[in-house]
C-alpha cells in the first residue's frame, strides 16, 4: 500500500513540475515576443526619423538655392575710353571746369599702359563680349553763360569723346543657361563630397557669347569648358559662376570666389 501512495505522490510531483515548466516556457516566449515588438517599433521610428530628416534637408537646400539666386548681384564690366583732341565743335561741359586760356595749355604726355596678355600671340575679338549692368546716367545741361567761357580746345576734346561713345555698339545683358541655374552651390554639398574637393584659388573669369572664348583661371591654370582640374571637370562657364562636375555631382562656384 505504501508503494502505491509513494507512486501517486511521485506522479503528482511530476505533473506539478511539468506545469511549472510549461508556465516558465510560456512566460519566456512572451518575453521574447515583447522584445521583438519593441525592437521593431524602435527600428520603424529610426527609419521614419531618417526619412523626415532627408525631406527637410532637401527642402532647405532648394529654399536656400532659390534665395541665393534671387539676391545675387550683377557683375558690371567697365568700359574705358580715351579722350583725344580734335576740331572745334559746340559742346557742353560741366560747370566745375576751371577757366583757362588756350595759350596756357600745354601738351600732356599720357603714361603708356602696358598690358600683359593672358596667352602669347592671342588676339581677342572683344565685340563678341557682353556687358552686365546698366548704362551710366547722362550729365545735365550746362548754362550758356558758363559754356561760353570754356576754351575751344577743351570743347573739341569733349566733342571727340562724345563722338567715340556714340559709335560704340550696344551690349546685351547676359543670362545664365538652364544648367547653371539648376545646380546647387558648392557650399551646399554634403560634407563627404566637400572633403574631396581640392582647394581652389579663383584668379580670373572671362565670359563671352561664343563658348570657345570663355575661360577662367584657377590655381594658376587657364581652363576652358571641358577641361579637367585634378578630379574636377569644367562643365559650363556662366556670366556669374562656373559649373563643375566631380564623380557625377554637379555644383556651381561663384565667379572670383575661393574655396578653403
C-alpha atoms as a PDB file:
ATOM      1  CA  UNK A   1       0.000   0.000   0.000  1.00  0.00           C
ATOM      2  CA  UNK A   2       2.812   2.355   0.847  1.00  0.00           C
ATOM      3  CA  UNK A   3       4.334   1.743  -2.555  1.00  0.00           C
ATOM      4  CA  UNK A   4       1.096   2.801  -4.192  1.00  0.00           C
ATOM      5  CA  UNK A   5       0.923   6.001  -2.165  1.00  0.00           C
ATOM      6  CA  UNK A   6       4.524   6.803  -2.998  1.00  0.00           C
ATOM      7  CA  UNK A   7       3.801   6.263  -6.688  1.00  0.00           C
ATOM      8  CA  UNK A   8       0.792   8.612  -6.539  1.00  0.00           C
ATOM      9  CA  UNK A   9       2.829  11.270  -4.747  1.00  0.00           C
ATOM     10  CA  UNK A  10       5.629  10.955  -7.299  1.00  0.00           C
ATOM     11  CA  UNK A  11       3.133  11.277 -10.159  1.00  0.00           C
ATOM     12  CA  UNK A  12       1.592  14.385  -8.579  1.00  0.00           C
ATOM     13  CA  UNK A  13       5.036  15.963  -8.151  1.00  0.00           C
ATOM     14  CA  UNK A  14       5.931  15.179 -11.780  1.00  0.00           C
ATOM     15  CA  UNK A  15       2.682  16.754 -13.019  1.00  0.00           C
ATOM     16  CA  UNK A  16       3.333  19.866 -10.925  1.00  0.00           C
ATOM     17  CA  UNK A  17       6.875  20.177 -12.249  1.00  0.00           C
ATOM     18  CA  UNK A  18       5.619  19.769 -15.809  1.00  0.00           C
ATOM     19  CA  UNK A  19       3.029  22.505 -15.275  1.00  0.00           C
ATOM     20  CA  UNK A  20       5.695  24.829 -13.789  1.00  0.00           C
ATOM     21  CA  UNK A  21       7.950  24.106 -16.771  1.00  0.00           C
ATOM     22  CA  UNK A  22       5.175  24.876 -19.240  1.00  0.00           C
ATOM     23  CA  UNK A  23       4.344  28.119 -17.432  1.00  0.00           C
ATOM     24  CA  UNK A  24       8.002  29.167 -17.446  1.00  0.00           C
ATOM     25  CA  UNK A  25       8.311  28.333 -21.136  1.00  0.00           C
ATOM     26  CA  UNK A  26       5.157  30.333 -21.939  1.00  0.00           C
ATOM     27  CA  UNK A  27       6.463  33.301 -19.943  1.00  0.00           C
ATOM     28  CA  UNK A  28       9.820  33.113 -21.744  1.00  0.00           C
ATOM     29  CA  UNK A  29       8.059  33.059 -25.131  1.00  0.00           C
ATOM     30  CA  UNK A  30       6.019  36.119 -24.163  1.00  0.00           C
ATOM     31  CA  UNK A  31       9.193  37.981 -23.133  1.00  0.00           C
ATOM     32  CA  UNK A  32      10.861  37.137 -26.456  1.00  0.00           C
ATOM     33  CA  UNK A  33       7.814  38.325 -28.407  1.00  0.00           C
ATOM     34  CA  UNK A  34       7.719  41.525 -26.361  1.00  0.00           C
ATOM     35  CA  UNK A  35      11.421  42.208 -27.048  1.00  0.00           C
ATOM     36  CA  UNK A  36      10.880  41.576 -30.776  1.00  0.00           C
ATOM     37  CA  UNK A  37       7.996  44.043 -30.961  1.00  0.00           C
ATOM     38  CA  UNK A  38       9.984  46.639 -29.023  1.00  0.00           C
ATOM     39  CA  UNK A  39      12.906  46.343 -31.438  1.00  0.00           C
ATOM     40  CA  UNK A  40      10.517  46.539 -34.390  1.00  0.00           C
ATOM     41  CA  UNK A  41       8.958  49.754 -33.031  1.00  0.00           C
ATOM     42  CA  UNK A  42      12.404  51.325 -32.411  1.00  0.00           C
ATOM     43  CA  UNK A  43      13.568  50.384 -35.925  1.00  0.00           C
ATOM     44  CA  UNK A  44      10.457  51.849 -37.548  1.00  0.00           C
ATOM     45  CA  UNK A  45      10.885  55.030 -35.511  1.00  0.00           C
ATOM     46  CA  UNK A  46      14.509  55.432 -36.676  1.00  0.00           C
ATOM     47  CA  UNK A  47      13.560  54.850 -40.327  1.00  0.00           C
ATOM     48  CA  UNK A  48      10.740  57.397 -40.082  1.00  0.00           C
ATOM     49  CA  UNK A  49      13.102  59.929 -38.451  1.00  0.00           C
ATOM     50  CA  UNK A  50      15.668  59.484 -41.255  1.00  0.00           C
ATOM     51  CA  UNK A  51      13.018  59.955 -43.948  1.00  0.00           C
ATOM     52  CA  UNK A  52      11.690  63.139 -42.307  1.00  0.00           C
ATOM     53  CA  UNK A  53      15.229  64.488 -41.879  1.00  0.00           C
ATOM     54  CA  UNK A  54      16.090  63.778 -45.526  1.00  0.00           C
ATOM     55  CA  UNK A  55      12.951  65.527 -46.791  1.00  0.00           C
ATOM     56  CA  UNK A  56      13.586  68.512 -44.506  1.00  0.00           C
ATOM     57  CA  UNK A  57      17.208  68.811 -45.684  1.00  0.00           C
ATOM     58  CA  UNK A  58      16.138  68.585 -49.346  1.00  0.00           C
ATOM     59  CA  UNK A  59      13.556  71.302 -48.844  1.00  0.00           C
ATOM     60  CA  UNK A  60      16.087  73.536 -47.059  1.00  0.00           C
ATOM     61  CA  UNK A  61      18.637  73.138 -49.884  1.00  0.00           C
ATOM     62  CA  UNK A  62      16.087  74.129 -52.531  1.00  0.00           C
ATOM     63  CA  UNK A  63      14.902  77.090 -50.448  1.00  0.00           C
ATOM     64  CA  UNK A  64      18.457  78.305 -49.821  1.00  0.00           C
ATOM     65  CA  UNK A  65      19.409  77.958 -53.517  1.00  0.00           C
ATOM     66  CA  UNK A  66      16.320  79.926 -54.626  1.00  0.00           C
ATOM     67  CA  UNK A  67      17.102  82.643 -52.083  1.00  0.00           C
ATOM     68  CA  UNK A  68      20.685  82.980 -53.309  1.00  0.00           C
ATOM     69  CA  UNK A  69      19.528  83.192 -56.925  1.00  0.00           C
ATOM     70  CA  UNK A  70      17.020  85.941 -56.058  1.00  0.00           C
ATOM     71  CA  UNK A  71      19.566  88.012 -54.094  1.00  0.00           C
ATOM     72  CA  UNK A  72      22.526  87.571 -56.475  1.00  0.00           C
ATOM     73  CA  UNK A  73      24.174  90.825 -57.545  1.00  0.00           C
ATOM     74  CA  UNK A  74      25.005  91.550 -61.190  1.00  0.00           C
ATOM     75  CA  UNK A  75      28.617  91.887 -62.315  1.00  0.00           C
ATOM     76  CA  UNK A  76      29.484  95.085 -64.202  1.00  0.00           C
ATOM     77  CA  UNK A  77      32.302  95.125 -66.750  1.00  0.00           C
ATOM     78  CA  UNK A  78      33.511  98.741 -67.029  1.00  0.00           C
ATOM     79  CA  UNK A  79      34.448 100.157 -70.438  1.00  0.00           C
ATOM     80  CA  UNK A  80      37.288 102.694 -70.581  1.00  0.00           C
ATOM     81  CA  UNK A  81      37.613 105.222 -73.373  1.00  0.00           C
ATOM     82  CA  UNK A  82      40.474 107.584 -74.130  1.00  0.00           C
ATOM     83  CA  UNK A  83      39.764 111.210 -75.000  1.00  0.00           C
ATOM     84  CA  UNK A  84      41.754 112.754 -77.864  1.00  0.00           C
ATOM     85  CA  UNK A  85      41.503 116.405 -79.037  1.00  0.00           C
ATOM     86  CA  UNK A  86      40.030 117.220 -82.469  1.00  0.00           C
ATOM     87  CA  UNK A  87      38.454 120.098 -84.398  1.00  0.00           C
ATOM     88  CA  UNK A  88      36.413 122.784 -82.612  1.00  0.00           C
ATOM     89  CA  UNK A  89      32.730 121.978 -82.119  1.00  0.00           C
ATOM     90  CA  UNK A  90      29.878 123.254 -79.945  1.00  0.00           C
ATOM     91  CA  UNK A  91      29.751 121.029 -76.852  1.00  0.00           C
ATOM     92  CA  UNK A  92      28.560 121.015 -73.274  1.00  0.00           C
ATOM     93  CA  UNK A  93      30.976 120.632 -70.349  1.00  0.00           C
ATOM     94  CA  UNK A  94      30.462 120.525 -66.585  1.00  0.00           C
ATOM     95  CA  UNK A  95      30.364 123.832 -64.723  1.00  0.00           C
ATOM     96  CA  UNK A  96      33.265 122.953 -62.394  1.00  0.00           C
ATOM     97  CA  UNK A  97      35.862 123.022 -65.237  1.00  0.00           C
ATOM     98  CA  UNK A  98      38.405 125.817 -64.492  1.00  0.00           C
ATOM     99  CA  UNK A  99      38.574 128.713 -66.965  1.00  0.00           C
ATOM    100  CA  UNK A 100      41.949 128.793 -68.707  1.00  0.00           C
ATOM    101  CA  UNK A 101      43.176 130.415 -71.849  1.00  0.00           C
ATOM    102  CA  UNK A 102      44.189 128.417 -74.921  1.00  0.00           C
ATOM    103  CA  UNK A 103      47.741 129.869 -74.810  1.00  0.00           C
ATOM    104  CA  UNK A 104      48.408 128.432 -71.330  1.00  0.00           C
ATOM    105  CA  UNK A 105      47.529 124.879 -72.371  1.00  0.00           C
ATOM    106  CA  UNK A 106      50.491 122.570 -72.778  1.00  0.00           C
ATOM    107  CA  UNK A 107      50.504 119.061 -74.215  1.00  0.00           C
ATOM    108  CA  UNK A 108      50.330 116.411 -71.547  1.00  0.00           C
ATOM    109  CA  UNK A 109      52.106 113.132 -72.112  1.00  0.00           C
ATOM    110  CA  UNK A 110      49.918 110.231 -71.200  1.00  0.00           C
ATOM    111  CA  UNK A 111      51.709 107.331 -69.497  1.00  0.00           C
ATOM    112  CA  UNK A 112      51.935 104.241 -71.621  1.00  0.00           C
ATOM    113  CA  UNK A 113      49.824 101.423 -70.290  1.00  0.00           C
ATOM    114  CA  UNK A 114      51.399  98.015 -70.791  1.00  0.00           C
ATOM    115  CA  UNK A 115      49.031  95.097 -70.516  1.00  0.00           C
ATOM    116  CA  UNK A 116      50.231  91.558 -70.076  1.00  0.00           C
ATOM    117  CA  UNK A 117      48.325  89.143 -72.352  1.00  0.00           C
ATOM    118  CA  UNK A 118      46.853  86.056 -70.837  1.00  0.00           C
ATOM    119  CA  UNK A 119      48.228  83.903 -73.652  1.00  0.00           C
ATOM    120  CA  UNK A 120      51.069  84.599 -76.044  1.00  0.00           C
ATOM    121  CA  UNK A 121      50.072  85.759 -79.528  1.00  0.00           C
ATOM    122  CA  UNK A 122      46.349  85.671 -78.694  1.00  0.00           C
ATOM    123  CA  UNK A 123      44.176  88.306 -80.404  1.00  0.00           C
ATOM    124  CA  UNK A 124      40.722  88.559 -78.887  1.00  0.00           C
ATOM    125  CA  UNK A 125      37.659  89.935 -80.671  1.00  0.00           C
ATOM    126  CA  UNK A 126      36.065  91.929 -77.852  1.00  0.00           C
ATOM    127  CA  UNK A 127      32.992  92.699 -79.975  1.00  0.00           C
ATOM    128  CA  UNK A 128      31.690  89.232 -79.016  1.00  0.00           C
ATOM    129  CA  UNK A 129      31.741  90.033 -75.308  1.00  0.00           C
ATOM    130  CA  UNK A 130      28.744  91.263 -73.364  1.00  0.00           C
ATOM    131  CA  UNK A 131      28.467  93.857 -70.579  1.00  0.00           C
ATOM    132  CA  UNK A 132      26.456  93.028 -67.477  1.00  0.00           C
ATOM    133  CA  UNK A 133      24.814  96.058 -65.836  1.00  0.00           C
ATOM    134  CA  UNK A 134      23.021  99.340 -66.558  1.00  0.00           C
ATOM    135  CA  UNK A 135      24.314 102.283 -68.640  1.00  0.00           C
ATOM    136  CA  UNK A 136      25.646 105.361 -66.874  1.00  0.00           C
ATOM    137  CA  UNK A 137      23.407 108.371 -66.414  1.00  0.00           C
ATOM    138  CA  UNK A 138      23.833 111.267 -68.861  1.00  0.00           C
ATOM    139  CA  UNK A 139      25.188 114.558 -67.421  1.00  0.00           C
ATOM    140  CA  UNK A 140      22.820 117.503 -67.071  1.00  0.00           C
ATOM    141  CA  UNK A 141      22.963 120.531 -69.393  1.00  0.00           C
ATOM    142  CA  UNK A 142      25.299 123.475 -68.654  1.00  0.00           C
ATOM    143  CA  UNK A 143      24.088 127.111 -68.832  1.00  0.00           C
ATOM    144  CA  UNK A 144      25.132 129.021 -71.972  1.00  0.00           C
ATOM    145  CA  UNK A 145      26.969 131.718 -69.943  1.00  0.00           C
ATOM    146  CA  UNK A 146      29.287 129.188 -68.340  1.00  0.00           C
ATOM    147  CA  UNK A 147      29.746 127.290 -71.619  1.00  0.00           C
ATOM    148  CA  UNK A 148      30.980 130.441 -73.420  1.00  0.00           C
ATOM    149  CA  UNK A 149      33.942 130.723 -71.025  1.00  0.00           C
ATOM    150  CA  UNK A 150      35.267 127.233 -71.805  1.00  0.00           C
ATOM    151  CA  UNK A 151      38.329 127.149 -74.138  1.00  0.00           C
ATOM    152  CA  UNK A 152      37.816 125.863 -77.681  1.00  0.00           C
ATOM    153  CA  UNK A 153      40.458 123.162 -77.302  1.00  0.00           C
ATOM    154  CA  UNK A 154      38.646 121.647 -74.340  1.00  0.00           C
ATOM    155  CA  UNK A 155      35.354 121.780 -76.248  1.00  0.00           C
ATOM    156  CA  UNK A 156      36.939 119.945 -79.167  1.00  0.00           C
ATOM    157  CA  UNK A 157      38.332 117.207 -76.914  1.00  0.00           C
ATOM    158  CA  UNK A 158      34.964 116.707 -75.275  1.00  0.00           C
ATOM    159  CA  UNK A 159      33.198 116.572 -78.656  1.00  0.00           C
ATOM    160  CA  UNK A 160      35.648 113.922 -79.858  1.00  0.00           C
ATOM    161  CA  UNK A 161      34.926 111.815 -76.779  1.00  0.00           C
ATOM    162  CA  UNK A 162      31.157 112.114 -77.317  1.00  0.00           C
ATOM    163  CA  UNK A 163      31.536 111.075 -80.963  1.00  0.00           C
ATOM    164  CA  UNK A 164      33.530 107.982 -79.986  1.00  0.00           C
ATOM    165  CA  UNK A 165      30.950 106.867 -77.435  1.00  0.00           C
ATOM    166  CA  UNK A 166      28.085 107.311 -79.934  1.00  0.00           C
ATOM    167  CA  UNK A 167      29.780 104.999 -82.450  1.00  0.00           C
ATOM    168  CA  UNK A 168      30.151 102.159 -79.969  1.00  0.00           C
ATOM    169  CA  UNK A 169      27.789  99.240 -80.365  1.00  0.00           C
ATOM    170  CA  UNK A 170      25.224  98.397 -77.717  1.00  0.00           C
ATOM    171  CA  UNK A 171      25.734  95.414 -75.465  1.00  0.00           C
ATOM    172  CA  UNK A 172      23.165  92.932 -74.268  1.00  0.00           C
ATOM    173  CA  UNK A 173      22.634  91.795 -70.716  1.00  0.00           C
ATOM    174  CA  UNK A 174      23.877  88.263 -70.290  1.00  0.00           C
ATOM    175  CA  UNK A 175      21.845  85.469 -68.724  1.00  0.00           C
ATOM    176  CA  UNK A 176      22.833  82.074 -67.389  1.00  0.00           C
ATOM    177  CA  UNK A 177      21.729  78.835 -69.014  1.00  0.00           C
ATOM    178  CA  UNK A 178      19.342  76.300 -67.539  1.00  0.00           C
ATOM    179  CA  UNK A 179      22.271  74.159 -66.352  1.00  0.00           C
ATOM    180  CA  UNK A 180      23.927  76.967 -64.386  1.00  0.00           C
ATOM    181  CA  UNK A 181      20.636  77.979 -62.720  1.00  0.00           C
ATOM    182  CA  UNK A 182      19.652  74.404 -61.817  1.00  0.00           C
ATOM    183  CA  UNK A 183      22.758  73.132 -59.996  1.00  0.00           C
ATOM    184  CA  UNK A 184      23.305  73.818 -56.302  1.00  0.00           C
ATOM    185  CA  UNK A 185      26.229  75.908 -54.974  1.00  0.00           C
ATOM    186  CA  UNK A 186      29.419  74.246 -53.771  1.00  0.00           C
ATOM    187  CA  UNK A 187      28.728  75.212 -50.141  1.00  0.00           C
ATOM    188  CA  UNK A 188      25.519  73.114 -50.024  1.00  0.00           C
ATOM    189  CA  UNK A 189      27.181  69.818 -50.962  1.00  0.00           C
ATOM    190  CA  UNK A 190      27.368  67.082 -48.274  1.00  0.00           C
ATOM    191  CA  UNK A 191      30.433  67.111 -46.045  1.00  0.00           C
ATOM    192  CA  UNK A 192      31.634  63.808 -47.521  1.00  0.00           C
ATOM    193  CA  UNK A 193      31.718  65.356 -51.020  1.00  0.00           C
ATOM    194  CA  UNK A 194      33.200  68.680 -49.825  1.00  0.00           C
ATOM    195  CA  UNK A 195      36.131  66.830 -48.261  1.00  0.00           C
ATOM    196  CA  UNK A 196      37.116  65.528 -51.725  1.00  0.00           C
ATOM    197  CA  UNK A 197      37.031  68.940 -53.448  1.00  0.00           C
ATOM    198  CA  UNK A 198      40.573  70.393 -53.707  1.00  0.00           C
ATOM    199  CA  UNK A 199      41.483  73.923 -52.678  1.00  0.00           C
ATOM    200  CA  UNK A 200      40.523  76.452 -55.384  1.00  0.00           C
ATOM    201  CA  UNK A 201      42.030  79.929 -55.862  1.00  0.00           C
ATOM    202  CA  UNK A 202      39.870  81.844 -58.365  1.00  0.00           C
ATOM    203  CA  UNK A 203      42.071  84.346 -60.273  1.00  0.00           C
ATOM    204  CA  UNK A 204      40.195  85.307 -63.482  1.00  0.00           C
ATOM    205  CA  UNK A 205      36.719  84.897 -65.023  1.00  0.00           C
ATOM    206  CA  UNK A 206      36.122  85.786 -68.696  1.00  0.00           C
ATOM    207  CA  UNK A 207      32.671  85.240 -70.232  1.00  0.00           C
ATOM    208  CA  UNK A 208      31.854  85.595 -73.950  1.00  0.00           C
ATOM    209  CA  UNK A 209      28.884  84.753 -76.162  1.00  0.00           C
ATOM    210  CA  UNK A 210      30.978  82.168 -78.012  1.00  0.00           C
ATOM    211  CA  UNK A 211      31.689  79.099 -75.890  1.00  0.00           C
ATOM    212  CA  UNK A 212      35.289  78.731 -77.133  1.00  0.00           C
ATOM    213  CA  UNK A 213      36.080  82.294 -75.994  1.00  0.00           C
ATOM    214  CA  UNK A 214      35.118  81.681 -72.365  1.00  0.00           C
ATOM    215  CA  UNK A 215      37.867  80.831 -69.914  1.00  0.00           C
ATOM    216  CA  UNK A 216      38.754  81.023 -66.229  1.00  0.00           C
ATOM    217  CA  UNK A 217      41.978  80.878 -64.258  1.00  0.00           C
ATOM    218  CA  UNK A 218      42.069  78.714 -61.118  1.00  0.00           C
ATOM    219  CA  UNK A 219      45.233  77.687 -59.263  1.00  0.00           C
ATOM    220  CA  UNK A 220      47.374  79.424 -61.959  1.00  0.00           C
ATOM    221  CA  UNK A 221      45.796  77.331 -64.751  1.00  0.00           C
ATOM    222  CA  UNK A 222      43.760  78.665 -67.697  1.00  0.00           C
ATOM    223  CA  UNK A 223      40.707  76.440 -68.110  1.00  0.00           C
ATOM    224  CA  UNK A 224      38.067  76.253 -70.832  1.00  0.00           C
ATOM    225  CA  UNK A 225      34.769  74.382 -70.922  1.00  0.00           C
ATOM    226  CA  UNK A 226      35.512  70.637 -70.930  1.00  0.00           C
ATOM    227  CA  UNK A 227      38.973  70.939 -69.278  1.00  0.00           C
ATOM    228  CA  UNK A 228      39.936  68.961 -66.147  1.00  0.00           C
ATOM    229  CA  UNK A 229      41.400  70.332 -62.899  1.00  0.00           C
ATOM    230  CA  UNK A 230      42.512  67.351 -60.808  1.00  0.00           C
ATOM    231  CA  UNK A 231      39.238  65.444 -60.261  1.00  0.00           C
ATOM    232  CA  UNK A 232      37.030  68.397 -61.341  1.00  0.00           C
ATOM    233  CA  UNK A 233      35.630  68.885 -64.857  1.00  0.00           C
ATOM    234  CA  UNK A 234      34.578  72.327 -66.134  1.00  0.00           C
ATOM    235  CA  UNK A 235      31.023  71.851 -67.484  1.00  0.00           C
ATOM    236  CA  UNK A 236      29.989  75.462 -68.229  1.00  0.00           C
ATOM    237  CA  UNK A 237      31.357  78.992 -67.705  1.00  0.00           C
ATOM    238  CA  UNK A 238      28.333  81.204 -66.988  1.00  0.00           C
ATOM    239  CA  UNK A 239      28.304  85.027 -66.587  1.00  0.00           C
ATOM    240  CA  UNK A 240      28.446  84.922 -62.785  1.00  0.00           C
ATOM    241  CA  UNK A 241      29.547  81.379 -61.921  1.00  0.00           C
ATOM    242  CA  UNK A 242      31.227  78.197 -63.168  1.00  0.00           C
ATOM    243  CA  UNK A 243      29.502  74.800 -63.246  1.00  0.00           C
ATOM    244  CA  UNK A 244      31.749  71.854 -62.331  1.00  0.00           C
ATOM    245  CA  UNK A 245      31.355  68.069 -62.076  1.00  0.00           C
ATOM    246  CA  UNK A 246      33.068  65.658 -59.697  1.00  0.00           C
ATOM    247  CA  UNK A 247      32.228  61.942 -59.825  1.00  0.00           C
ATOM    248  CA  UNK A 248      28.699  62.625 -61.078  1.00  0.00           C
ATOM    249  CA  UNK A 249      27.983  65.503 -58.657  1.00  0.00           C
ATOM    250  CA  UNK A 250      27.348  68.847 -60.396  1.00  0.00           C
ATOM    251  CA  UNK A 251      27.768  72.094 -58.452  1.00  0.00           C
ATOM    252  CA  UNK A 252      28.469  75.768 -59.097  1.00  0.00           C
ATOM    253  CA  UNK A 253      31.230  78.084 -57.850  1.00  0.00           C
ATOM    254  CA  UNK A 254      30.610  81.840 -57.883  1.00  0.00           C
ATOM    255  CA  UNK A 255      32.965  83.933 -60.019  1.00  0.00           C
ATOM    256  CA  UNK A 256      36.132  85.087 -58.214  1.00  0.00           C
ATOM    257  CA  UNK A 257      35.215  83.087 -55.072  1.00  0.00           C
ATOM    258  CA  UNK A 258      37.963  80.974 -53.490  1.00  0.00           C
ATOM    259  CA  UNK A 259      37.325  77.668 -51.726  1.00  0.00           C
ATOM    260  CA  UNK A 260      39.166  76.937 -48.495  1.00  0.00           C
END
